[in-house]
Each structure stands twice: as C-alpha cells, then as structure tokens.
Amino acid sequence: YERGAQSTAPMLKTHASLWDRVRMQAMQRAGTEV
C-alpha cells in the first residue's frame, strides 16, 4: 500500500507534500498550544 500511494495522486510531484499541507492547516487553525 505504501508503494502504491506514491502514484495515487499523479499530479503531486512529492506525495508527502500533501500530508505536510494538512499538518500546516491543522496547526495554524488550532489557535492554541497543541
């Protein structure tokens, strides 16, 4: 599954960037010390 996830969203140059963007959204929106 990990191998397969590398081409799930073919337009992503680096699949890991998706997860980084989610983390950034979550941390920015938390509005408190997490």
PDB file of all heavy atoms in Angstrom:
ATOM      1  N   TYR A   1       0.834  -1.209   0.000  1.00  0.00           N
ATOM      2  CA  TYR A   1       0.000   0.000   0.000  1.00  0.00           C
ATOM      3  C   TYR A   1       0.869   1.260   0.000  1.00  0.00           C
ATOM      4  O   TYR A   1       0.580   2.229  -0.710  1.00  0.00           O
ATOM      5  CB  TYR A   1      -0.910  -0.038   1.221  1.00  0.00           C
ATOM      6  CG  TYR A   1      -1.901   1.093   1.329  1.00  0.00           C
ATOM      7  CD1 TYR A   1      -2.502   1.654   0.207  1.00  0.00           C
ATOM      8  CD2 TYR A   1      -2.279   1.577   2.577  1.00  0.00           C
ATOM      9  CE1 TYR A   1      -3.438   2.675   0.330  1.00  0.00           C
ATOM     10  CE2 TYR A   1      -3.206   2.591   2.708  1.00  0.00           C
ATOM     11  CZ  TYR A   1      -3.789   3.143   1.585  1.00  0.00           C
ATOM     12  OH  TYR A   1      -4.699   4.148   1.704  1.00  0.00           O
ATOM     13  N   GLU A   2       1.938   1.243   0.776  1.00  0.00           N
ATOM     14  CA  GLU A   2       2.860   2.383   0.803  1.00  0.00           C
ATOM     15  C   GLU A   2       3.469   2.611  -0.574  1.00  0.00           C
ATOM     16  O   GLU A   2       3.583   3.751  -1.045  1.00  0.00           O
ATOM     17  CB  GLU A   2       3.967   2.142   1.827  1.00  0.00           C
ATOM     18  CG  GLU A   2       4.936   3.315   1.941  1.00  0.00           C
ATOM     19  CD  GLU A   2       6.162   2.969   2.776  1.00  0.00           C
ATOM     20  OE1 GLU A   2       6.767   1.894   2.529  1.00  0.00           O
ATOM     21  OE2 GLU A   2       6.531   3.766   3.657  1.00  0.00           O
ATOM     22  N   ARG A   3       3.863   1.528  -1.249  1.00  0.00           N
ATOM     23  CA  ARG A   3       4.406   1.662  -2.604  1.00  0.00           C
ATOM     24  C   ARG A   3       3.353   2.236  -3.550  1.00  0.00           C
ATOM     25  O   ARG A   3       3.640   3.098  -4.383  1.00  0.00           O
ATOM     26  CB  ARG A   3       4.850   0.302  -3.152  1.00  0.00           C
ATOM     27  CG  ARG A   3       5.824  -0.506  -2.313  1.00  0.00           C
ATOM     28  CD  ARG A   3       7.176   0.133  -2.220  1.00  0.00           C
ATOM     29  NE  ARG A   3       7.290   0.934  -1.002  1.00  0.00           N
ATOM     30  CZ  ARG A   3       8.342   1.632  -0.651  1.00  0.00           C
ATOM     31  NH1 ARG A   3       9.403   1.658  -1.436  1.00  0.00           N
ATOM     32  NH2 ARG A   3       8.356   2.333   0.467  1.00  0.00           N
ATOM     33  N   GLY A   4       2.122   1.764  -3.414  1.00  0.00           N
ATOM     34  CA  GLY A   4       1.058   2.203  -4.300  1.00  0.00           C
ATOM     35  C   GLY A   4       0.662   3.653  -4.103  1.00  0.00           C
ATOM     36  O   GLY A   4       0.259   4.333  -5.055  1.00  0.00           O
ATOM     37  N   ALA A   5       0.769   4.144  -2.882  1.00  0.00           N
ATOM     38  CA  ALA A   5       0.356   5.520  -2.570  1.00  0.00           C
ATOM     39  C   ALA A   5       1.194   6.554  -3.309  1.00  0.00           C
ATOM     40  O   ALA A   5       0.770   7.704  -3.465  1.00  0.00           O
ATOM     41  CB  ALA A   5       0.431   5.759  -1.067  1.00  0.00           C
ATOM     42  N   GLN A   6       2.351   6.146  -3.782  1.00  0.00           N
ATOM     43  CA  GLN A   6       3.233   7.096  -4.464  1.00  0.00           C
ATOM     44  C   GLN A   6       2.663   7.572  -5.793  1.00  0.00           C
ATOM     45  O   GLN A   6       3.124   8.575  -6.338  1.00  0.00           O
ATOM     46  CB  GLN A   6       4.611   6.449  -4.657  1.00  0.00           C
ATOM     47  CG  GLN A   6       5.317   6.145  -3.351  1.00  0.00           C
ATOM     48  CD  GLN A   6       6.586   5.329  -3.528  1.00  0.00           C
ATOM     49  OE1 GLN A   6       7.033   5.094  -4.646  1.00  0.00           O
ATOM     50  NE2 GLN A   6       7.185   4.892  -2.440  1.00  0.00           N
ATOM     51  N   SER A   7       1.656   6.885  -6.313  1.00  0.00           N
ATOM     52  CA  SER A   7       1.049   7.326  -7.574  1.00  0.00           C
ATOM     53  C   SER A   7      -0.464   7.486  -7.457  1.00  0.00           C
ATOM     54  O   SER A   7      -1.160   7.525  -8.464  1.00  0.00           O
ATOM     55  CB  SER A   7       1.372   6.329  -8.696  1.00  0.00           C
ATOM     56  OG  SER A   7       0.879   5.038  -8.379  1.00  0.00           O
ATOM     57  N   THR A   8      -0.971   7.613  -6.230  1.00  0.00           N
ATOM     58  CA  THR A   8      -2.413   7.786  -6.041  1.00  0.00           C
ATOM     59  C   THR A   8      -2.897   9.093  -6.649  1.00  0.00           C
ATOM     60  O   THR A   8      -3.938   9.159  -7.295  1.00  0.00           O
ATOM     61  CB  THR A   8      -2.766   7.735  -4.545  1.00  0.00           C
ATOM     62  OG1 THR A   8      -2.436   6.442  -4.038  1.00  0.00           O
ATOM     63  CG2 THR A   8      -4.247   8.002  -4.319  1.00  0.00           C
ATOM     64  N   ALA A   9      -2.159  10.166  -6.400  1.00  0.00           N
ATOM     65  CA  ALA A   9      -2.478  11.477  -6.962  1.00  0.00           C
ATOM     66  C   ALA A   9      -1.338  11.857  -7.906  1.00  0.00           C
ATOM     67  O   ALA A   9      -0.332  12.434  -7.476  1.00  0.00           O
ATOM     68  CB  ALA A   9      -2.644  12.520  -5.857  1.00  0.00           C
ATOM     69  N   PRO A  10      -1.438  11.519  -9.189  1.00  0.00           N
ATOM     70  CA  PRO A  10      -0.291  11.638 -10.092  1.00  0.00           C
ATOM     71  C   PRO A  10       0.221  13.054 -10.313  1.00  0.00           C
ATOM     72  O   PRO A  10       1.355  13.231 -10.735  1.00  0.00           O
ATOM     73  CB  PRO A  10      -0.821  11.029 -11.401  1.00  0.00           C
ATOM     74  CG  PRO A  10      -2.296  11.155 -11.313  1.00  0.00           C
ATOM     75  CD  PRO A  10      -2.621  10.978  -9.860  1.00  0.00           C
ATOM     76  N   MET A  11      -0.605  14.060 -10.025  1.00  0.00           N
ATOM     77  CA  MET A  11      -0.175  15.440 -10.250  1.00  0.00           C
ATOM     78  C   MET A  11       0.762  15.935  -9.149  1.00  0.00           C
ATOM     79  O   MET A  11       1.421  16.961  -9.297  1.00  0.00           O
ATOM     80  CB  MET A  11      -1.391  16.360 -10.340  1.00  0.00           C
ATOM     81  CG  MET A  11      -2.254  16.116 -11.584  1.00  0.00           C
ATOM     82  SD  MET A  11      -1.451  16.619 -13.101  1.00  0.00           S
ATOM     83  CE  MET A  11      -1.577  18.412 -12.942  1.00  0.00           C
ATOM     84  N   LEU A  12       0.814  15.209  -8.036  1.00  0.00           N
ATOM     85  CA  LEU A  12       1.704  15.605  -6.946  1.00  0.00           C
ATOM     86  C   LEU A  12       3.135  15.212  -7.275  1.00  0.00           C
ATOM     87  O   LEU A  12       3.430  14.043  -7.497  1.00  0.00           O
ATOM     88  CB  LEU A  12       1.293  14.937  -5.637  1.00  0.00           C
ATOM     89  CG  LEU A  12      -0.020  15.412  -4.998  1.00  0.00           C
ATOM     90  CD1 LEU A  12      -0.309  14.583  -3.763  1.00  0.00           C
ATOM     91  CD2 LEU A  12       0.050  16.883  -4.636  1.00  0.00           C
ATOM     92  N   LYS A  13       4.039  16.180  -7.277  1.00  0.00           N
ATOM     93  CA  LYS A  13       5.441  15.875  -7.542  1.00  0.00           C
ATOM     94  C   LYS A  13       6.045  15.115  -6.366  1.00  0.00           C
ATOM     95  O   LYS A  13       6.869  14.221  -6.533  1.00  0.00           O
ATOM     96  CB  LYS A  13       6.209  17.172  -7.807  1.00  0.00           C
ATOM     97  CG  LYS A  13       5.806  17.863  -9.104  1.00  0.00           C
ATOM     98  CD  LYS A  13       6.618  19.116  -9.344  1.00  0.00           C
ATOM     99  CE  LYS A  13       6.218  19.780 -10.649  1.00  0.00           C
ATOM    100  NZ  LYS A  13       6.977  21.040 -10.895  1.00  0.00           N
ATOM    101  N   THR A  14       5.662  15.485  -5.161  1.00  0.00           N
ATOM    102  CA  THR A  14       6.089  14.775  -3.960  1.00  0.00           C
ATOM    103  C   THR A  14       4.848  14.467  -3.152  1.00  0.00           C
ATOM    104  O   THR A  14       4.204  15.377  -2.628  1.00  0.00           O
ATOM    105  CB  THR A  14       7.057  15.624  -3.112  1.00  0.00           C
ATOM    106  OG1 THR A  14       8.168  16.012  -3.926  1.00  0.00           O
ATOM    107  CG2 THR A  14       7.553  14.825  -1.919  1.00  0.00           C
ATOM    108  N   HIS A  15       4.487  13.173  -3.080  1.00  0.00           N
ATOM    109  CA  HIS A  15       3.238  12.809  -2.424  1.00  0.00           C
ATOM    110  C   HIS A  15       3.229  13.258  -0.965  1.00  0.00           C
ATOM    111  O   HIS A  15       2.175  13.630  -0.434  1.00  0.00           O
ATOM    112  CB  HIS A  15       3.025  11.296  -2.519  1.00  0.00           C
ATOM    113  CG  HIS A  15       1.619  10.884  -2.236  1.00  0.00           C
ATOM    114  ND1 HIS A  15       0.575  11.168  -3.091  1.00  0.00           N
ATOM    115  CD2 HIS A  15       1.072  10.238  -1.184  1.00  0.00           C
ATOM    116  CE1 HIS A  15      -0.552  10.692  -2.587  1.00  0.00           C
ATOM    117  NE2 HIS A  15      -0.282  10.119  -1.433  1.00  0.00           N
ATOM    118  N   ALA A  16       4.397  13.252  -0.321  1.00  0.00           N
ATOM    119  CA  ALA A  16       4.447  13.627   1.088  1.00  0.00           C
ATOM    120  C   ALA A  16       4.002  15.064   1.322  1.00  0.00           C
ATOM    121  O   ALA A  16       3.584  15.412   2.432  1.00  0.00           O
ATOM    122  CB  ALA A  16       5.860  13.418   1.624  1.00  0.00           C
ATOM    123  N   SER A  17       4.094  15.917   0.291  1.00  0.00           N
ATOM    124  CA  SER A  17       3.724  17.312   0.478  1.00  0.00           C
ATOM    125  C   SER A  17       2.262  17.455   0.871  1.00  0.00           C
ATOM    126  O   SER A  17       1.878  18.418   1.537  1.00  0.00           O
ATOM    127  CB  SER A  17       4.005  18.106  -0.801  1.00  0.00           C
ATOM    128  OG  SER A  17       3.173  17.671  -1.863  1.00  0.00           O
ATOM    129  N   LEU A  18       1.425  16.509   0.453  1.00  0.00           N
ATOM    130  CA  LEU A  18       0.012  16.541   0.816  1.00  0.00           C
ATOM    131  C   LEU A  18      -0.146  16.500   2.328  1.00  0.00           C
ATOM    132  O   LEU A  18      -0.896  17.284   2.919  1.00  0.00           O
ATOM    133  CB  LEU A  18      -0.706  15.358   0.171  1.00  0.00           C
ATOM    134  CG  LEU A  18      -2.168  15.173   0.542  1.00  0.00           C
ATOM    135  CD1 LEU A  18      -3.034  16.202  -0.165  1.00  0.00           C
ATOM    136  CD2 LEU A  18      -2.640  13.769   0.183  1.00  0.00           C
ATOM    137  N   TRP A  19       0.558  15.572   2.964  1.00  0.00           N
ATOM    138  CA  TRP A  19       0.448  15.428   4.417  1.00  0.00           C
ATOM    139  C   TRP A  19       1.002  16.663   5.124  1.00  0.00           C
ATOM    140  O   TRP A  19       0.468  17.081   6.152  1.00  0.00           O
ATOM    141  CB  TRP A  19       1.200  14.180   4.873  1.00  0.00           C
ATOM    142  CG  TRP A  19       1.011  12.995   3.993  1.00  0.00           C
ATOM    143  CD1 TRP A  19       1.970  12.338   3.288  1.00  0.00           C
ATOM    144  CD2 TRP A  19      -0.218  12.308   3.686  1.00  0.00           C
ATOM    145  NE1 TRP A  19       1.438  11.299   2.582  1.00  0.00           N
ATOM    146  CE2 TRP A  19       0.092  11.251   2.804  1.00  0.00           C
ATOM    147  CE3 TRP A  19      -1.541  12.496   4.080  1.00  0.00           C
ATOM    148  CZ2 TRP A  19      -0.863  10.385   2.312  1.00  0.00           C
ATOM    149  CZ3 TRP A  19      -2.511  11.636   3.581  1.00  0.00           C
ATOM    150  CH2 TRP A  19      -2.166  10.592   2.713  1.00  0.00           C
ATOM    151  N   ASP A  20       2.069  17.233   4.597  1.00  0.00           N
ATOM    152  CA  ASP A  20       2.639  18.444   5.198  1.00  0.00           C
ATOM    153  C   ASP A  20       1.631  19.591   5.160  1.00  0.00           C
ATOM    154  O   ASP A  20       1.510  20.359   6.115  1.00  0.00           O
ATOM    155  CB  ASP A  20       3.914  18.855   4.468  1.00  0.00           C
ATOM    156  CG  ASP A  20       5.063  17.891   4.710  1.00  0.00           C
ATOM    157  OD1 ASP A  20       5.112  17.306   5.805  1.00  0.00           O
ATOM    158  OD2 ASP A  20       5.899  17.711   3.810  1.00  0.00           O
ATOM    159  N   ARG A  21       0.896  19.701   4.064  1.00  0.00           N
ATOM    160  CA  ARG A  21      -0.090  20.772   3.938  1.00  0.00           C
ATOM    161  C   ARG A  21      -1.242  20.579   4.921  1.00  0.00           C
ATOM    162  O   ARG A  21      -1.770  21.553   5.470  1.00  0.00           O
ATOM    163  CB  ARG A  21      -0.607  20.846   2.501  1.00  0.00           C
ATOM    164  CG  ARG A  21       0.415  21.427   1.525  1.00  0.00           C
ATOM    165  CD  ARG A  21      -0.086  21.366   0.089  1.00  0.00           C
ATOM    166  NE  ARG A  21       0.928  21.881  -0.831  1.00  0.00           N
ATOM    167  CZ  ARG A  21       0.798  22.991  -1.554  1.00  0.00           C
ATOM    168  NH1 ARG A  21      -0.314  23.722  -1.488  1.00  0.00           N
ATOM    169  NH2 ARG A  21       1.764  23.388  -2.354  1.00  0.00           N
ATOM    170  N   VAL A  22      -1.645  19.336   5.140  1.00  0.00           N
ATOM    171  CA  VAL A  22      -2.692  19.073   6.129  1.00  0.00           C
ATOM    172  C   VAL A  22      -2.216  19.464   7.521  1.00  0.00           C
ATOM    173  O   VAL A  22      -2.931  20.115   8.287  1.00  0.00           O
ATOM    174  CB  VAL A  22      -3.116  17.594   6.096  1.00  0.00           C
ATOM    175  CG1 VAL A  22      -4.108  17.299   7.212  1.00  0.00           C
ATOM    176  CG2 VAL A  22      -3.728  17.235   4.746  1.00  0.00           C
ATOM    177  N   ARG A  23      -0.996  19.055   7.851  1.00  0.00           N
ATOM    178  CA  ARG A  23      -0.448  19.406   9.169  1.00  0.00           C
ATOM    179  C   ARG A  23      -0.405  20.921   9.357  1.00  0.00           C
ATOM    180  O   ARG A  23      -0.787  21.441  10.410  1.00  0.00           O
ATOM    181  CB  ARG A  23       0.956  18.834   9.331  1.00  0.00           C
ATOM    182  CG  ARG A  23       1.634  19.223  10.659  1.00  0.00           C
ATOM    183  CD  ARG A  23       3.119  18.909  10.649  1.00  0.00           C
ATOM    184  NE  ARG A  23       3.822  19.638   9.609  1.00  0.00           N
ATOM    185  CZ  ARG A  23       4.252  20.898   9.733  1.00  0.00           C
ATOM    186  NH1 ARG A  23       4.025  21.583  10.852  1.00  0.00           N
ATOM    187  NH2 ARG A  23       4.898  21.483   8.749  1.00  0.00           N
ATOM    188  N   MET A  24       0.061  21.634   8.341  1.00  0.00           N
ATOM    189  CA  MET A  24       0.148  23.083   8.444  1.00  0.00           C
ATOM    190  C   MET A  24      -1.228  23.708   8.666  1.00  0.00           C
ATOM    191  O   MET A  24      -1.388  24.597   9.515  1.00  0.00           O
ATOM    192  CB  MET A  24       0.795  23.657   7.182  1.00  0.00           C
ATOM    193  CG  MET A  24       2.281  23.354   7.050  1.00  0.00           C
ATOM    194  SD  MET A  24       2.961  23.867   5.438  1.00  0.00           S
ATOM    195  CE  MET A  24       2.635  25.627   5.493  1.00  0.00           C
ATOM    196  N   GLN A  25      -2.223  23.237   7.926  1.00  0.00           N
ATOM    197  CA  GLN A  25      -3.581  23.750   8.114  1.00  0.00           C
ATOM    198  C   GLN A  25      -4.076  23.491   9.532  1.00  0.00           C
ATOM    199  O   GLN A  25      -4.667  24.361  10.174  1.00  0.00           O
ATOM    200  CB  GLN A  25      -4.526  23.086   7.103  1.00  0.00           C
ATOM    201  CG  GLN A  25      -4.349  23.548   5.679  1.00  0.00           C
ATOM    202  CD  GLN A  25      -5.183  24.789   5.370  1.00  0.00           C
ATOM    203  OE1 GLN A  25      -5.946  25.275   6.197  1.00  0.00           O
ATOM    204  NE2 GLN A  25      -5.028  25.301   4.164  1.00  0.00           N
ATOM    205  N   ALA A  26      -3.836  22.272  10.006  1.00  0.00           N
ATOM    206  CA  ALA A  26      -4.310  21.910  11.345  1.00  0.00           C
ATOM    207  C   ALA A  26      -3.624  22.737  12.432  1.00  0.00           C
ATOM    208  O   ALA A  26      -4.291  23.273  13.328  1.00  0.00           O
ATOM    209  CB  ALA A  26      -4.078  20.423  11.589  1.00  0.00           C
ATOM    210  N   MET A  27      -2.311  22.847  12.348  1.00  0.00           N
ATOM    211  CA  MET A  27      -1.572  23.577  13.379  1.00  0.00           C
ATOM    212  C   MET A  27      -1.920  25.068  13.362  1.00  0.00           C
ATOM    213  O   MET A  27      -2.038  25.706  14.416  1.00  0.00           O
ATOM    214  CB  MET A  27      -0.067  23.370  13.190  1.00  0.00           C
ATOM    215  CG  MET A  27       0.388  21.930  13.349  1.00  0.00           C
ATOM    216  SD  MET A  27       0.148  21.260  15.010  1.00  0.00           S
ATOM    217  CE  MET A  27       1.431  22.147  15.894  1.00  0.00           C
ATOM    218  N   GLN A  28      -2.071  25.633  12.170  1.00  0.00           N
ATOM    219  CA  GLN A  28      -2.404  27.051  12.066  1.00  0.00           C
ATOM    220  C   GLN A  28      -3.801  27.345  12.583  1.00  0.00           C
ATOM    221  O   GLN A  28      -4.048  28.390  13.188  1.00  0.00           O
ATOM    222  CB  GLN A  28      -2.265  27.515  10.613  1.00  0.00           C
ATOM    223  CG  GLN A  28      -0.832  27.586  10.113  1.00  0.00           C
ATOM    224  CD  GLN A  28      -0.745  27.813   8.610  1.00  0.00           C
ATOM    225  OE1 GLN A  28      -1.754  27.983   7.928  1.00  0.00           O
ATOM    226  NE2 GLN A  28       0.476  27.798   8.085  1.00  0.00           N
ATOM    227  N   ARG A  29      -4.726  26.420  12.343  1.00  0.00           N
ATOM    228  CA  ARG A  29      -6.105  26.644  12.745  1.00  0.00           C
ATOM    229  C   ARG A  29      -6.371  26.272  14.203  1.00  0.00           C
ATOM    230  O   ARG A  29      -7.413  26.648  14.751  1.00  0.00           O
ATOM    231  CB  ARG A  29      -7.047  25.837  11.843  1.00  0.00           C
ATOM    232  CG  ARG A  29      -7.126  26.355  10.405  1.00  0.00           C
ATOM    233  CD  ARG A  29      -7.931  25.408   9.541  1.00  0.00           C
ATOM    234  NE  ARG A  29      -8.048  25.876   8.166  1.00  0.00           N
ATOM    235  CZ  ARG A  29      -9.013  26.653   7.717  1.00  0.00           C
ATOM    236  NH1 ARG A  29      -9.973  27.065   8.548  1.00  0.00           N
ATOM    237  NH2 ARG A  29      -9.046  27.043   6.457  1.00  0.00           N
ATOM    238  N   ALA A  30      -5.465  25.533  14.824  1.00  0.00           N
ATOM    239  CA  ALA A  30      -5.699  25.094  16.201  1.00  0.00           C
ATOM    240  C   ALA A  30      -5.903  26.275  17.136  1.00  0.00           C
ATOM    241  O   ALA A  30      -6.736  26.231  18.052  1.00  0.00           O
ATOM    242  CB  ALA A  30      -4.546  24.220  16.673  1.00  0.00           C
ATOM    243  N   GLY A  31      -5.135  27.346  16.928  1.00  0.00           N
ATOM    244  CA  GLY A  31      -5.346  28.562  17.708  1.00  0.00           C
ATOM    245  C   GLY A  31      -4.939  28.459  19.159  1.00  0.00           C
ATOM    246  O   GLY A  31      -5.310  29.301  19.975  1.00  0.00           O
ATOM    247  N   THR A  32      -4.177  27.439  19.505  1.00  0.00           N
ATOM    248  CA  THR A  32      -3.726  27.266  20.882  1.00  0.00           C
ATOM    249  C   THR A  32      -2.466  26.414  20.862  1.00  0.00           C
ATOM    250  O   THR A  32      -2.065  25.893  19.820  1.00  0.00           O
ATOM    251  CB  THR A  32      -4.818  26.577  21.725  1.00  0.00           C
ATOM    252  OG1 THR A  32      -4.396  26.520  23.092  1.00  0.00           O
ATOM    253  CG2 THR A  32      -5.066  25.155  21.229  1.00  0.00           C
ATOM    254  N   GLU A  33      -1.824  26.293  22.003  1.00  0.00           N
ATOM    255  CA  GLU A  33      -0.666  25.411  22.098  1.00  0.00           C
ATOM    256  C   GLU A  33      -1.130  23.964  21.959  1.00  0.00           C
ATOM    257  O   GLU A  33      -1.979  23.492  22.723  1.00  0.00           O
ATOM    258  CB  GLU A  33       0.054  25.598  23.428  1.00  0.00           C
ATOM    259  CG  GLU A  33       1.304  24.730  23.559  1.00  0.00           C
ATOM    260  CD  GLU A  33       1.982  24.873  24.911  1.00  0.00           C
ATOM    261  OE1 GLU A  33       1.452  25.612  25.770  1.00  0.00           O
ATOM    262  OE2 GLU A  33       3.032  24.233  25.101  1.00  0.00           O
ATOM    263  N   VAL A  34      -0.608  23.286  20.976  1.00  0.00           N
ATOM    264  CA  VAL A  34      -1.035  21.912  20.703  1.00  0.00           C
ATOM    265  C   VAL A  34      -0.153  20.945  21.487  1.00  0.00           C
ATOM    266  O   VAL A  34       1.067  20.939  21.343  1.00  0.00           O
ATOM    267  CB  VAL A  34      -0.955  21.600  19.198  1.00  0.00           C
ATOM    268  CG1 VAL A  34      -1.312  20.143  18.931  1.00  0.00           C
ATOM    269  CG2 VAL A  34      -1.887  22.529  18.424  1.00  0.00           C
TER     270      VAL A  34
END
